[in-house]
Amino acid sequence: MTDERLTRRSLLKAGFAAGLALGAGFMKAPAAFAQSAPAGMRGIVDAQAYVSDVWYLPVESLIGEMSRAGVERAVLVQYDGEIDNDYQFDAVRRYPGRFANVVAVDYAKPGAPATLAELAKLGAVGVRIPASFRSPGSDPLAIWKAAADLNLAVSCSGTPADFGSDAFGQIVAAYPHLPFVIEHAGGAYGSQAPIDALKKVYALAKYPNAYIKIGGISEFDRRLTPVVEPFPFAVPLPPVLDLVYAAFGAHRMMWGSDYPPVAGKEGYHNALGYTFAQFKDKSADDRAWIFGRTAATVFPVKA
């Protein structure tokens, strides 16, 4: 790590801390926010958030959103293209008990499994691997095997085609004790959720070690124009959440905000509140698993 990066990081920390102090009067959620949030629920965990000092936003920004929305802990997932995990480790150290760390490495390098082992020693609880990735050399599954050997859960990015491929299903089957967590409800982006393709993704639920993340409604439905209040999305919703629940059940589902990209859509608190409302008819126990316990079990926050 260069002195330049350390200096920039120090400045960012100081500047953002000052900004939080100055904005303390704005930290309480307006009444409209509170109505959309799961009032009184404890143990909420955000399973998909990104932080950085060179891309997106510093961790203090995430903490502010979590505080306003009543989210207790979060899983820091390394964003696409970044393999320097120092900032995430620093955030975990500076805010003990708040964050779990899901790292990334340069998977194309033969030494990737060894690098991953070093990160596991430092406290990583998971690794982010694209569903379509295969290791170079004689063993195309080397990085997946390393994750299994290190007891790291895998947060898997990809498209419905990646997740629904026979090849990915074979990897999930090959490592039955390795948790595979499918991101973004199987890649259900935008207003045209590819339901037929997603059904093939959700067939992975036949493997007990397959889990899935759900996010905000904007990941699979379109916002109406002009905006309609209090719910701005087109109804009826595409049946993504219903299909995920029917396939995986609450104990293998976890909510993740996708912050900060979600800030350019419905926003953090609405990504929680609107999605939580879709499960209002489920049991309190099911909601507790979807919005906290599953993530806390698969990606535990280390003391």
C-alpha atoms as a PDB file:
ATOM      1  CA  MET A   1       0.000   0.000   0.000  1.00  0.00           C
ATOM      2  CA  THR A   2       1.519   3.352  -0.988  1.00  0.00           C
ATOM      3  CA  ASP A   3       1.917   6.382   1.257  1.00  0.00           C
ATOM      4  CA  GLU A   4      -0.273   8.276  -1.199  1.00  0.00           C
ATOM      5  CA  ARG A   5      -3.119   5.841  -0.650  1.00  0.00           C
ATOM      6  CA  LEU A   6      -2.705   5.978   3.120  1.00  0.00           C
ATOM      7  CA  THR A   7      -2.812   9.767   3.038  1.00  0.00           C
ATOM      8  CA  ARG A   8      -5.934   9.820   0.886  1.00  0.00           C
ATOM      9  CA  ARG A   9      -7.585   7.278   3.144  1.00  0.00           C
ATOM     10  CA  SER A  10      -6.788   9.328   6.243  1.00  0.00           C
ATOM     11  CA  LEU A  11      -8.221  12.453   4.658  1.00  0.00           C
ATOM     12  CA  LEU A  12     -11.360  10.639   3.598  1.00  0.00           C
ATOM     13  CA  LYS A  13     -11.888   9.245   7.081  1.00  0.00           C
ATOM     14  CA  ALA A  14     -11.454  12.642   8.692  1.00  0.00           C
ATOM     15  CA  GLY A  15     -13.630  14.422   6.155  1.00  0.00           C
ATOM     16  CA  PHE A  16     -16.443  11.931   6.286  1.00  0.00           C
ATOM     17  CA  ALA A  17     -16.420  11.818  10.080  1.00  0.00           C
ATOM     18  CA  ALA A  18     -16.764  15.579  10.126  1.00  0.00           C
ATOM     19  CA  GLY A  19     -19.596  15.393   7.639  1.00  0.00           C
ATOM     20  CA  LEU A  20     -21.447  12.883   9.792  1.00  0.00           C
ATOM     21  CA  ALA A  21     -21.046  15.098  12.834  1.00  0.00           C
ATOM     22  CA  LEU A  22     -22.345  18.157  11.001  1.00  0.00           C
ATOM     23  CA  GLY A  23     -25.259  16.178   9.630  1.00  0.00           C
ATOM     24  CA  ALA A  24     -26.246  14.552  12.904  1.00  0.00           C
ATOM     25  CA  GLY A  25     -29.522  16.441  12.891  1.00  0.00           C
ATOM     26  CA  PHE A  26     -30.550  14.695   9.683  1.00  0.00           C
ATOM     27  CA  MET A  27     -29.870  11.143  10.877  1.00  0.00           C
ATOM     28  CA  LYS A  28     -33.400  10.433  12.093  1.00  0.00           C
ATOM     29  CA  ALA A  29     -35.637   8.916   9.442  1.00  0.00           C
ATOM     30  CA  PRO A  30     -38.679  10.932   8.350  1.00  0.00           C
ATOM     31  CA  ALA A  31     -42.044   9.414   9.228  1.00  0.00           C
ATOM     32  CA  ALA A  32     -42.561   8.209   5.661  1.00  0.00           C
ATOM     33  CA  PHE A  33     -39.309   6.254   5.865  1.00  0.00           C
ATOM     34  CA  ALA A  34     -40.306   4.613   9.133  1.00  0.00           C
ATOM     35  CA  GLN A  35     -43.627   3.468   7.683  1.00  0.00           C
ATOM     36  CA  SER A  36     -41.872   1.553   4.903  1.00  0.00           C
ATOM     37  CA  ALA A  37     -39.332  -0.083   7.236  1.00  0.00           C
ATOM     38  CA  PRO A  38     -39.857  -3.272   9.284  1.00  0.00           C
ATOM     39  CA  ALA A  39     -40.717  -1.418  12.499  1.00  0.00           C
ATOM     40  CA  GLY A  40     -39.294  -2.983  15.633  1.00  0.00           C
ATOM     41  CA  MET A  41     -37.498  -5.837  13.869  1.00  0.00           C
ATOM     42  CA  ARG A  42     -34.082  -6.689  15.308  1.00  0.00           C
ATOM     43  CA  GLY A  43     -31.120  -8.438  13.747  1.00  0.00           C
ATOM     44  CA  ILE A  44     -31.443  -7.142  10.181  1.00  0.00           C
ATOM     45  CA  VAL A  45     -28.370  -7.915   8.071  1.00  0.00           C
ATOM     46  CA  ASP A  46     -27.561  -6.409   4.684  1.00  0.00           C
ATOM     47  CA  ALA A  47     -25.988  -9.239   2.657  1.00  0.00           C
ATOM     48  CA  GLN A  48     -24.687  -7.164  -0.269  1.00  0.00           C
ATOM     49  CA  ALA A  49     -22.997  -3.788   0.161  1.00  0.00           C
ATOM     50  CA  TYR A  50     -19.927  -2.210  -1.395  1.00  0.00           C
ATOM     51  CA  VAL A  51     -17.494   0.274   0.156  1.00  0.00           C
ATOM     52  CA  SER A  52     -14.281   1.828  -1.119  1.00  0.00           C
ATOM     53  CA  ASP A  53     -12.063   4.897  -0.967  1.00  0.00           C
ATOM     54  CA  VAL A  54     -11.559   4.937  -4.750  1.00  0.00           C
ATOM     55  CA  TRP A  55     -14.962   3.850  -6.113  1.00  0.00           C
ATOM     56  CA  TYR A  56     -18.508   4.138  -4.768  1.00  0.00           C
ATOM     57  CA  LEU A  57     -18.508   5.555  -1.214  1.00  0.00           C
ATOM     58  CA  PRO A  58     -16.659   5.199   2.109  1.00  0.00           C
ATOM     59  CA  VAL A  59     -17.951   2.831   4.759  1.00  0.00           C
ATOM     60  CA  GLU A  60     -19.275   5.712   6.855  1.00  0.00           C
ATOM     61  CA  SER A  61     -21.857   6.400   4.153  1.00  0.00           C
ATOM     62  CA  LEU A  62     -23.106   2.831   4.446  1.00  0.00           C
ATOM     63  CA  ILE A  63     -23.226   3.096   8.246  1.00  0.00           C
ATOM     64  CA  GLY A  64     -25.425   6.182   7.952  1.00  0.00           C
ATOM     65  CA  GLU A  65     -27.884   4.370   5.679  1.00  0.00           C
ATOM     66  CA  MET A  66     -27.902   1.331   7.947  1.00  0.00           C
ATOM     67  CA  SER A  67     -28.612   3.476  11.001  1.00  0.00           C
ATOM     68  CA  ARG A  68     -31.545   5.236   9.345  1.00  0.00           C
ATOM     69  CA  ALA A  69     -33.026   1.951   8.126  1.00  0.00           C
ATOM     70  CA  GLY A  70     -32.489  -0.038  11.334  1.00  0.00           C
ATOM     71  CA  VAL A  71     -29.953  -2.456   9.818  1.00  0.00           C
ATOM     72  CA  GLU A  72     -27.547  -3.820  12.405  1.00  0.00           C
ATOM     73  CA  ARG A  73     -24.859  -5.529  10.343  1.00  0.00           C
ATOM     74  CA  ALA A  74     -23.733  -5.847   6.739  1.00  0.00           C
ATOM     75  CA  VAL A  75     -21.686  -8.070   4.471  1.00  0.00           C
ATOM     76  CA  LEU A  76     -19.027  -6.085   2.622  1.00  0.00           C
ATOM     77  CA  VAL A  77     -18.763  -7.662  -0.830  1.00  0.00           C
ATOM     78  CA  GLN A  78     -15.823  -6.723  -3.015  1.00  0.00           C
ATOM     79  CA  TYR A  79     -16.997  -4.903  -6.126  1.00  0.00           C
ATOM     80  CA  ASP A  80     -16.248  -6.070  -9.665  1.00  0.00           C
ATOM     81  CA  GLY A  81     -12.708  -5.397 -10.828  1.00  0.00           C
ATOM     82  CA  GLU A  82     -11.172  -4.677  -7.406  1.00  0.00           C
ATOM     83  CA  ILE A  83      -8.717  -7.152  -5.894  1.00  0.00           C
ATOM     84  CA  ASP A  84      -7.193  -4.884  -3.225  1.00  0.00           C
ATOM     85  CA  ASN A  85      -9.142  -5.843  -0.113  1.00  0.00           C
ATOM     86  CA  ASP A  86      -7.320  -3.543   2.321  1.00  0.00           C
ATOM     87  CA  TYR A  87     -10.143  -1.036   2.649  1.00  0.00           C
ATOM     88  CA  GLN A  88     -12.683  -3.720   3.576  1.00  0.00           C
ATOM     89  CA  PHE A  89     -10.346  -5.236   6.163  1.00  0.00           C
ATOM     90  CA  ASP A  90      -9.753  -1.739   7.553  1.00  0.00           C
ATOM     91  CA  ALA A  91     -13.507  -1.126   7.791  1.00  0.00           C
ATOM     92  CA  VAL A  92     -14.006  -4.406   9.666  1.00  0.00           C
ATOM     93  CA  ARG A  93     -11.251  -3.465  12.128  1.00  0.00           C
ATOM     94  CA  ARG A  94     -12.520   0.080  12.679  1.00  0.00           C
ATOM     95  CA  TYR A  95     -16.125  -0.976  13.257  1.00  0.00           C
ATOM     96  CA  PRO A  96     -15.948  -4.271  15.154  1.00  0.00           C
ATOM     97  CA  GLY A  97     -19.096  -6.346  15.237  1.00  0.00           C
ATOM     98  CA  ARG A  98     -20.682  -4.555  12.265  1.00  0.00           C
ATOM     99  CA  PHE A  99     -19.288  -6.182   9.134  1.00  0.00           C
ATOM    100  CA  ALA A 100     -18.425  -9.496   7.526  1.00  0.00           C
ATOM    101  CA  ASN A 101     -15.798  -9.458   4.774  1.00  0.00           C
ATOM    102  CA  VAL A 102     -16.244 -11.102   1.347  1.00  0.00           C
ATOM    103  CA  VAL A 103     -13.064 -10.613  -0.664  1.00  0.00           C
ATOM    104  CA  ALA A 104     -11.876 -11.059  -4.240  1.00  0.00           C
ATOM    105  CA  VAL A 105      -8.567 -12.104  -5.778  1.00  0.00           C
ATOM    106  CA  ASP A 106      -7.058 -12.174  -9.248  1.00  0.00           C
ATOM    107  CA  TYR A 107      -8.557 -15.516 -10.179  1.00  0.00           C
ATOM    108  CA  ALA A 108      -6.628 -15.727 -13.467  1.00  0.00           C
ATOM    109  CA  LYS A 109      -3.321 -16.042 -11.610  1.00  0.00           C
ATOM    110  CA  PRO A 110      -2.088 -19.534 -10.714  1.00  0.00           C
ATOM    111  CA  GLY A 111      -1.403 -18.330  -7.170  1.00  0.00           C
ATOM    112  CA  ALA A 112      -5.010 -17.278  -6.539  1.00  0.00           C
ATOM    113  CA  PRO A 113      -5.777 -20.166  -4.147  1.00  0.00           C
ATOM    114  CA  ALA A 114      -2.730 -19.314  -2.023  1.00  0.00           C
ATOM    115  CA  THR A 115      -3.695 -15.628  -1.965  1.00  0.00           C
ATOM    116  CA  LEU A 116      -7.181 -16.597  -0.873  1.00  0.00           C
ATOM    117  CA  ALA A 117      -5.731 -18.672   1.963  1.00  0.00           C
ATOM    118  CA  GLU A 118      -3.827 -15.622   3.224  1.00  0.00           C
ATOM    119  CA  LEU A 119      -6.991 -13.509   3.145  1.00  0.00           C
ATOM    120  CA  ALA A 120      -8.853 -16.202   5.076  1.00  0.00           C
ATOM    121  CA  LYS A 121      -6.170 -16.024   7.774  1.00  0.00           C
ATOM    122  CA  LEU A 122      -6.798 -12.286   8.015  1.00  0.00           C
ATOM    123  CA  GLY A 123     -10.483 -12.873   8.726  1.00  0.00           C
ATOM    124  CA  ALA A 124     -12.332 -13.083   5.416  1.00  0.00           C
ATOM    125  CA  VAL A 125     -15.506 -15.167   5.710  1.00  0.00           C
ATOM    126  CA  GLY A 126     -16.302 -15.395   2.021  1.00  0.00           C
ATOM    127  CA  VAL A 127     -15.061 -14.850  -1.506  1.00  0.00           C
ATOM    128  CA  ARG A 128     -16.820 -13.428  -4.544  1.00  0.00           C
ATOM    129  CA  ILE A 129     -16.400 -15.570  -7.666  1.00  0.00           C
ATOM    130  CA  PRO A 130     -18.213 -15.177 -11.008  1.00  0.00           C
ATOM    131  CA  ALA A 131     -20.339 -18.229 -11.724  1.00  0.00           C
ATOM    132  CA  SER A 132     -18.720 -18.601 -15.139  1.00  0.00           C
ATOM    133  CA  PHE A 133     -15.119 -18.552 -13.896  1.00  0.00           C
ATOM    134  CA  ARG A 134     -12.759 -21.500 -14.279  1.00  0.00           C
ATOM    135  CA  SER A 135      -9.187 -21.496 -12.989  1.00  0.00           C
ATOM    136  CA  PRO A 136      -6.227 -21.625 -15.379  1.00  0.00           C
ATOM    137  CA  GLY A 137      -3.988 -24.653 -15.505  1.00  0.00           C
ATOM    138  CA  SER A 138      -4.796 -28.306 -15.078  1.00  0.00           C
ATOM    139  CA  ASP A 139      -7.571 -27.854 -12.505  1.00  0.00           C
ATOM    140  CA  PRO A 140     -10.356 -25.534 -13.693  1.00  0.00           C
ATOM    141  CA  LEU A 141     -12.045 -25.771 -10.303  1.00  0.00           C
ATOM    142  CA  ALA A 142      -8.969 -24.856  -8.248  1.00  0.00           C
ATOM    143  CA  ILE A 143     -10.393 -21.614  -6.816  1.00  0.00           C
ATOM    144  CA  TRP A 144     -13.710 -23.262  -5.928  1.00  0.00           C
ATOM    145  CA  LYS A 145     -11.839 -26.104  -4.221  1.00  0.00           C
ATOM    146  CA  ALA A 146      -9.746 -23.591  -2.297  1.00  0.00           C
ATOM    147  CA  ALA A 147     -12.883 -21.854  -1.024  1.00  0.00           C
ATOM    148  CA  ALA A 148     -14.278 -25.196   0.122  1.00  0.00           C
ATOM    149  CA  ASP A 149     -11.030 -26.191   1.846  1.00  0.00           C
ATOM    150  CA  LEU A 150     -10.896 -22.823   3.629  1.00  0.00           C
ATOM    151  CA  ASN A 151     -14.553 -22.959   4.748  1.00  0.00           C
ATOM    152  CA  LEU A 152     -15.340 -19.732   2.898  1.00  0.00           C
ATOM    153  CA  ALA A 153     -18.827 -19.131   1.552  1.00  0.00           C
ATOM    154  CA  VAL A 154     -18.939 -18.065  -2.104  1.00  0.00           C
ATOM    155  CA  SER A 155     -20.962 -15.065  -3.228  1.00  0.00           C
ATOM    156  CA  CYS A 156     -21.562 -15.736  -6.918  1.00  0.00           C
ATOM    157  CA  SER A 157     -22.087 -13.002  -9.488  1.00  0.00           C
ATOM    158  CA  GLY A 158     -23.445 -13.781 -12.934  1.00  0.00           C
ATOM    159  CA  THR A 159     -26.317 -13.822 -15.381  1.00  0.00           C
ATOM    160  CA  PRO A 160     -29.293 -16.181 -15.527  1.00  0.00           C
ATOM    161  CA  ALA A 161     -27.462 -18.042 -18.292  1.00  0.00           C
ATOM    162  CA  ASP A 162     -24.370 -18.444 -16.085  1.00  0.00           C
ATOM    163  CA  PHE A 163     -26.313 -19.691 -13.081  1.00  0.00           C
ATOM    164  CA  GLY A 164     -28.631 -21.877 -15.141  1.00  0.00           C
ATOM    165  CA  SER A 165     -25.836 -23.657 -17.000  1.00  0.00           C
ATOM    166  CA  ASP A 166     -25.212 -27.337 -16.452  1.00  0.00           C
ATOM    167  CA  ALA A 167     -21.557 -26.524 -15.761  1.00  0.00           C
ATOM    168  CA  PHE A 168     -22.373 -24.309 -12.783  1.00  0.00           C
ATOM    169  CA  GLY A 169     -24.820 -26.862 -11.414  1.00  0.00           C
ATOM    170  CA  GLN A 170     -22.047 -29.448 -11.552  1.00  0.00           C
ATOM    171  CA  ILE A 171     -19.768 -27.201  -9.473  1.00  0.00           C
ATOM    172  CA  VAL A 172     -22.457 -26.714  -6.828  1.00  0.00           C
ATOM    173  CA  ALA A 173     -22.958 -30.484  -6.718  1.00  0.00           C
ATOM    174  CA  ALA A 174     -19.208 -31.166  -6.546  1.00  0.00           C
ATOM    175  CA  TYR A 175     -18.745 -29.254  -3.268  1.00  0.00           C
ATOM    176  CA  PRO A 176     -21.777 -30.089  -1.127  1.00  0.00           C
ATOM    177  CA  HIS A 177     -20.355 -28.455   2.004  1.00  0.00           C
ATOM    178  CA  LEU A 178     -19.506 -25.166   0.270  1.00  0.00           C
ATOM    179  CA  PRO A 179     -22.265 -22.527   0.476  1.00  0.00           C
ATOM    180  CA  PHE A 180     -22.950 -21.056  -2.981  1.00  0.00           C
ATOM    181  CA  VAL A 181     -24.856 -17.776  -2.675  1.00  0.00           C
ATOM    182  CA  ILE A 182     -26.490 -16.611  -5.917  1.00  0.00           C
ATOM    183  CA  GLU A 183     -26.506 -12.825  -6.115  1.00  0.00           C
ATOM    184  CA  HIS A 184     -29.312 -10.518  -7.247  1.00  0.00           C
ATOM    185  CA  ALA A 185     -32.025 -13.201  -7.379  1.00  0.00           C
ATOM    186  CA  GLY A 186     -30.119 -14.918 -10.163  1.00  0.00           C
ATOM    187  CA  GLY A 187     -29.298 -11.826 -12.173  1.00  0.00           C
ATOM    188  CA  ALA A 188     -32.863 -10.521 -12.452  1.00  0.00           C
ATOM    189  CA  TYR A 189     -31.952  -7.003 -13.539  1.00  0.00           C
ATOM    190  CA  GLY A 190     -34.228  -4.316 -14.951  1.00  0.00           C
ATOM    191  CA  SER A 191     -37.848  -4.239 -15.941  1.00  0.00           C
ATOM    192  CA  GLN A 192     -37.826  -7.396 -18.067  1.00  0.00           C
ATOM    193  CA  ALA A 193     -37.159 -10.170 -15.587  1.00  0.00           C
ATOM    194  CA  PRO A 194     -36.445 -13.272 -17.731  1.00  0.00           C
ATOM    195  CA  ILE A 195     -38.815 -15.545 -15.852  1.00  0.00           C
ATOM    196  CA  ASP A 196     -38.235 -18.706 -17.892  1.00  0.00           C
ATOM    197  CA  ALA A 197     -34.460 -18.379 -17.541  1.00  0.00           C
ATOM    198  CA  LEU A 198     -34.792 -17.618 -13.836  1.00  0.00           C
ATOM    199  CA  LYS A 199     -36.847 -20.745 -13.239  1.00  0.00           C
ATOM    200  CA  LYS A 200     -33.830 -22.746 -14.407  1.00  0.00           C
ATOM    201  CA  VAL A 201     -31.651 -20.807 -11.962  1.00  0.00           C
ATOM    202  CA  TYR A 202     -34.046 -21.517  -9.122  1.00  0.00           C
ATOM    203  CA  ALA A 203     -33.856 -25.234  -9.913  1.00  0.00           C
ATOM    204  CA  LEU A 204     -30.465 -25.040  -8.153  1.00  0.00           C
ATOM    205  CA  ALA A 205     -32.463 -25.070  -4.931  1.00  0.00           C
ATOM    206  CA  LYS A 206     -32.369 -28.855  -5.184  1.00  0.00           C
ATOM    207  CA  TYR A 207     -28.844 -28.571  -3.793  1.00  0.00           C
ATOM    208  CA  PRO A 208     -28.957 -27.915  -0.015  1.00  0.00           C
ATOM    209  CA  ASN A 209     -25.798 -25.770  -0.245  1.00  0.00           C
ATOM    210  CA  ALA A 210     -27.366 -23.298  -2.698  1.00  0.00           C
ATOM    211  CA  TYR A 211     -28.549 -19.968  -1.284  1.00  0.00           C
ATOM    212  CA  ILE A 212     -29.864 -16.819  -2.928  1.00  0.00           C
ATOM    213  CA  LYS A 213     -29.829 -13.076  -2.337  1.00  0.00           C
ATOM    214  CA  ILE A 214     -32.761 -10.812  -3.060  1.00  0.00           C
ATOM    215  CA  GLY A 215     -32.545  -7.031  -3.260  1.00  0.00           C
ATOM    216  CA  GLY A 216     -34.787  -4.099  -4.005  1.00  0.00           C
ATOM    217  CA  ILE A 217     -37.807  -4.213  -6.293  1.00  0.00           C
ATOM    218  CA  SER A 218     -35.900  -2.187  -8.909  1.00  0.00           C
ATOM    219  CA  GLU A 219     -33.775  -5.240  -9.655  1.00  0.00           C
ATOM    220  CA  PHE A 220     -36.645  -6.898 -11.481  1.00  0.00           C
ATOM    221  CA  ASP A 221     -39.457  -4.374 -12.009  1.00  0.00           C
ATOM    222  CA  ARG A 222     -39.782  -0.965 -13.657  1.00  0.00           C
ATOM    223  CA  ARG A 223     -40.541   2.340 -12.018  1.00  0.00           C
ATOM    224  CA  LEU A 224     -43.673   4.032 -13.309  1.00  0.00           C
ATOM    225  CA  THR A 225     -43.421   7.407 -15.050  1.00  0.00           C
ATOM    226  CA  PRO A 226     -44.786   9.695 -13.784  1.00  0.00           C
ATOM    227  CA  VAL A 227     -44.006   8.294 -10.371  1.00  0.00           C
ATOM    228  CA  VAL A 228     -46.964   6.867  -8.465  1.00  0.00           C
ATOM    229  CA  GLU A 229     -47.018   7.091  -4.673  1.00  0.00           C
ATOM    230  CA  PRO A 230     -46.695   5.415  -2.263  1.00  0.00           C
ATOM    231  CA  PHE A 231     -45.446   2.459  -4.372  1.00  0.00           C
ATOM    232  CA  PRO A 232     -43.630   3.599  -7.532  1.00  0.00           C
ATOM    233  CA  PHE A 233     -43.330   0.270  -9.358  1.00  0.00           C
ATOM    234  CA  ALA A 234     -45.507  -1.363 -12.003  1.00  0.00           C
ATOM    235  CA  VAL A 235     -47.974  -3.893 -10.617  1.00  0.00           C
ATOM    236  CA  PRO A 236     -48.493  -6.738 -10.574  1.00  0.00           C
ATOM    237  CA  LEU A 237     -44.840  -7.411  -9.846  1.00  0.00           C
ATOM    238  CA  PRO A 238     -43.017 -10.060 -11.860  1.00  0.00           C
ATOM    239  CA  PRO A 239     -43.184 -13.212  -9.691  1.00  0.00           C
ATOM    240  CA  VAL A 240     -39.469 -13.238  -8.851  1.00  0.00           C
ATOM    241  CA  LEU A 241     -39.830 -13.121  -5.065  1.00  0.00           C
ATOM    242  CA  ASP A 242     -42.607 -15.700  -5.068  1.00  0.00           C
ATOM    243  CA  LEU A 243     -40.538 -18.068  -7.208  1.00  0.00           C
ATOM    244  CA  VAL A 244     -37.456 -17.628  -5.034  1.00  0.00           C
ATOM    245  CA  TYR A 245     -39.407 -18.256  -1.834  1.00  0.00           C
ATOM    246  CA  ALA A 246     -41.129 -21.327  -3.273  1.00  0.00           C
ATOM    247  CA  ALA A 247     -37.818 -22.793  -4.422  1.00  0.00           C
ATOM    248  CA  PHE A 248     -35.383 -21.923  -1.627  1.00  0.00           C
ATOM    249  CA  GLY A 249     -37.522 -21.193   1.407  1.00  0.00           C
ATOM    250  CA  ALA A 250     -36.721 -18.545   3.982  1.00  0.00           C
ATOM    251  CA  HIS A 251     -33.727 -20.365   5.499  1.00  0.00           C
ATOM    252  CA  ARG A 252     -31.762 -20.085   2.237  1.00  0.00           C
ATOM    253  CA  MET A 253     -32.766 -16.543   1.290  1.00  0.00           C
ATOM    254  CA  MET A 254     -31.039 -13.323   2.331  1.00  0.00           C
ATOM    255  CA  TRP A 255     -31.771  -9.684   1.604  1.00  0.00           C
ATOM    256  CA  GLY A 256     -28.994  -7.421   0.320  1.00  0.00           C
ATOM    257  CA  SER A 257     -29.322  -3.725  -0.491  1.00  0.00           C
ATOM    258  CA  ASP A 258     -26.800  -3.469  -3.346  1.00  0.00           C
ATOM    259  CA  TYR A 259     -25.670  -0.167  -1.824  1.00  0.00           C
ATOM    260  CA  PRO A 260     -24.544   2.274  -3.119  1.00  0.00           C
ATOM    261  CA  PRO A 261     -25.883   1.508  -6.652  1.00  0.00           C
ATOM    262  CA  VAL A 262     -29.377   1.292  -5.132  1.00  0.00           C
ATOM    263  CA  ALA A 263     -29.079   4.954  -4.127  1.00  0.00           C
ATOM    264  CA  GLY A 264     -29.672   5.799  -7.789  1.00  0.00           C
ATOM    265  CA  LYS A 265     -32.884   3.765  -7.761  1.00  0.00           C
ATOM    266  CA  GLU A 266     -35.371   3.428  -4.900  1.00  0.00           C
ATOM    267  CA  GLY A 267     -32.763   4.144  -2.220  1.00  0.00           C
ATOM    268  CA  TYR A 268     -31.508   2.106   0.711  1.00  0.00           C
ATOM    269  CA  HIS A 269     -34.468   2.328   3.092  1.00  0.00           C
ATOM    270  CA  ASN A 270     -36.976   1.611   0.311  1.00  0.00           C
ATOM    271  CA  ALA A 271     -34.947  -1.338  -0.979  1.00  0.00           C
ATOM    272  CA  LEU A 272     -35.501  -2.783   2.478  1.00  0.00           C
ATOM    273  CA  GLY A 273     -39.026  -1.535   3.154  1.00  0.00           C
ATOM    274  CA  TYR A 274     -40.647  -2.281  -0.220  1.00  0.00           C
ATOM    275  CA  THR A 275     -39.138  -5.782  -0.313  1.00  0.00           C
ATOM    276  CA  PHE A 276     -40.022  -6.492   3.317  1.00  0.00           C
ATOM    277  CA  ALA A 277     -43.639  -5.582   2.545  1.00  0.00           C
ATOM    278  CA  GLN A 278     -43.808  -8.341  -0.071  1.00  0.00           C
ATOM    279  CA  PHE A 279     -43.370 -10.872   2.744  1.00  0.00           C
ATOM    280  CA  LYS A 280     -45.970  -9.392   5.091  1.00  0.00           C
ATOM    281  CA  ASP A 281     -48.057 -12.568   4.879  1.00  0.00           C
ATOM    282  CA  LYS A 282     -45.137 -14.815   5.852  1.00  0.00           C
ATOM    283  CA  SER A 283     -44.389 -15.767   9.418  1.00  0.00           C
ATOM    284  CA  ALA A 284     -42.259 -13.586  11.651  1.00  0.00           C
ATOM    285  CA  ASP A 285     -39.747 -16.421  11.784  1.00  0.00           C
ATOM    286  CA  ASP A 286     -39.486 -16.568   7.989  1.00  0.00           C
ATOM    287  CA  ARG A 287     -38.977 -12.823   7.785  1.00  0.00           C
ATOM    288  CA  ALA A 288     -36.285 -13.029  10.462  1.00  0.00           C
ATOM    289  CA  TRP A 289     -34.384 -15.568   8.349  1.00  0.00           C
ATOM    290  CA  ILE A 290     -34.737 -13.682   5.063  1.00  0.00           C
ATOM    291  CA  PHE A 291     -33.749 -10.326   6.507  1.00  0.00           C
ATOM    292  CA  GLY A 292     -31.030 -11.385   8.902  1.00  0.00           C
ATOM    293  CA  ARG A 293     -30.457 -14.891  10.154  1.00  0.00           C
ATOM    294  CA  THR A 294     -29.517 -16.529   6.860  1.00  0.00           C
ATOM    295  CA  ALA A 295     -26.872 -13.928   6.071  1.00  0.00           C
ATOM    296  CA  ALA A 296     -25.597 -13.998   9.646  1.00  0.00           C
ATOM    297  CA  THR A 297     -25.236 -17.790   9.423  1.00  0.00           C
ATOM    298  CA  VAL A 298     -23.556 -17.957   6.016  1.00  0.00           C
ATOM    299  CA  PHE A 299     -21.423 -14.808   6.393  1.00  0.00           C
ATOM    300  CA  PRO A 300     -20.832 -14.503  10.156  1.00  0.00           C
ATOM    301  CA  VAL A 301     -19.488 -11.289  11.633  1.00  0.00           C
ATOM    302  CA  LYS A 302     -16.320 -12.184  13.495  1.00  0.00           C
ATOM    303  CA  ALA A 303     -15.783 -10.758  16.967  1.00  0.00           C
END
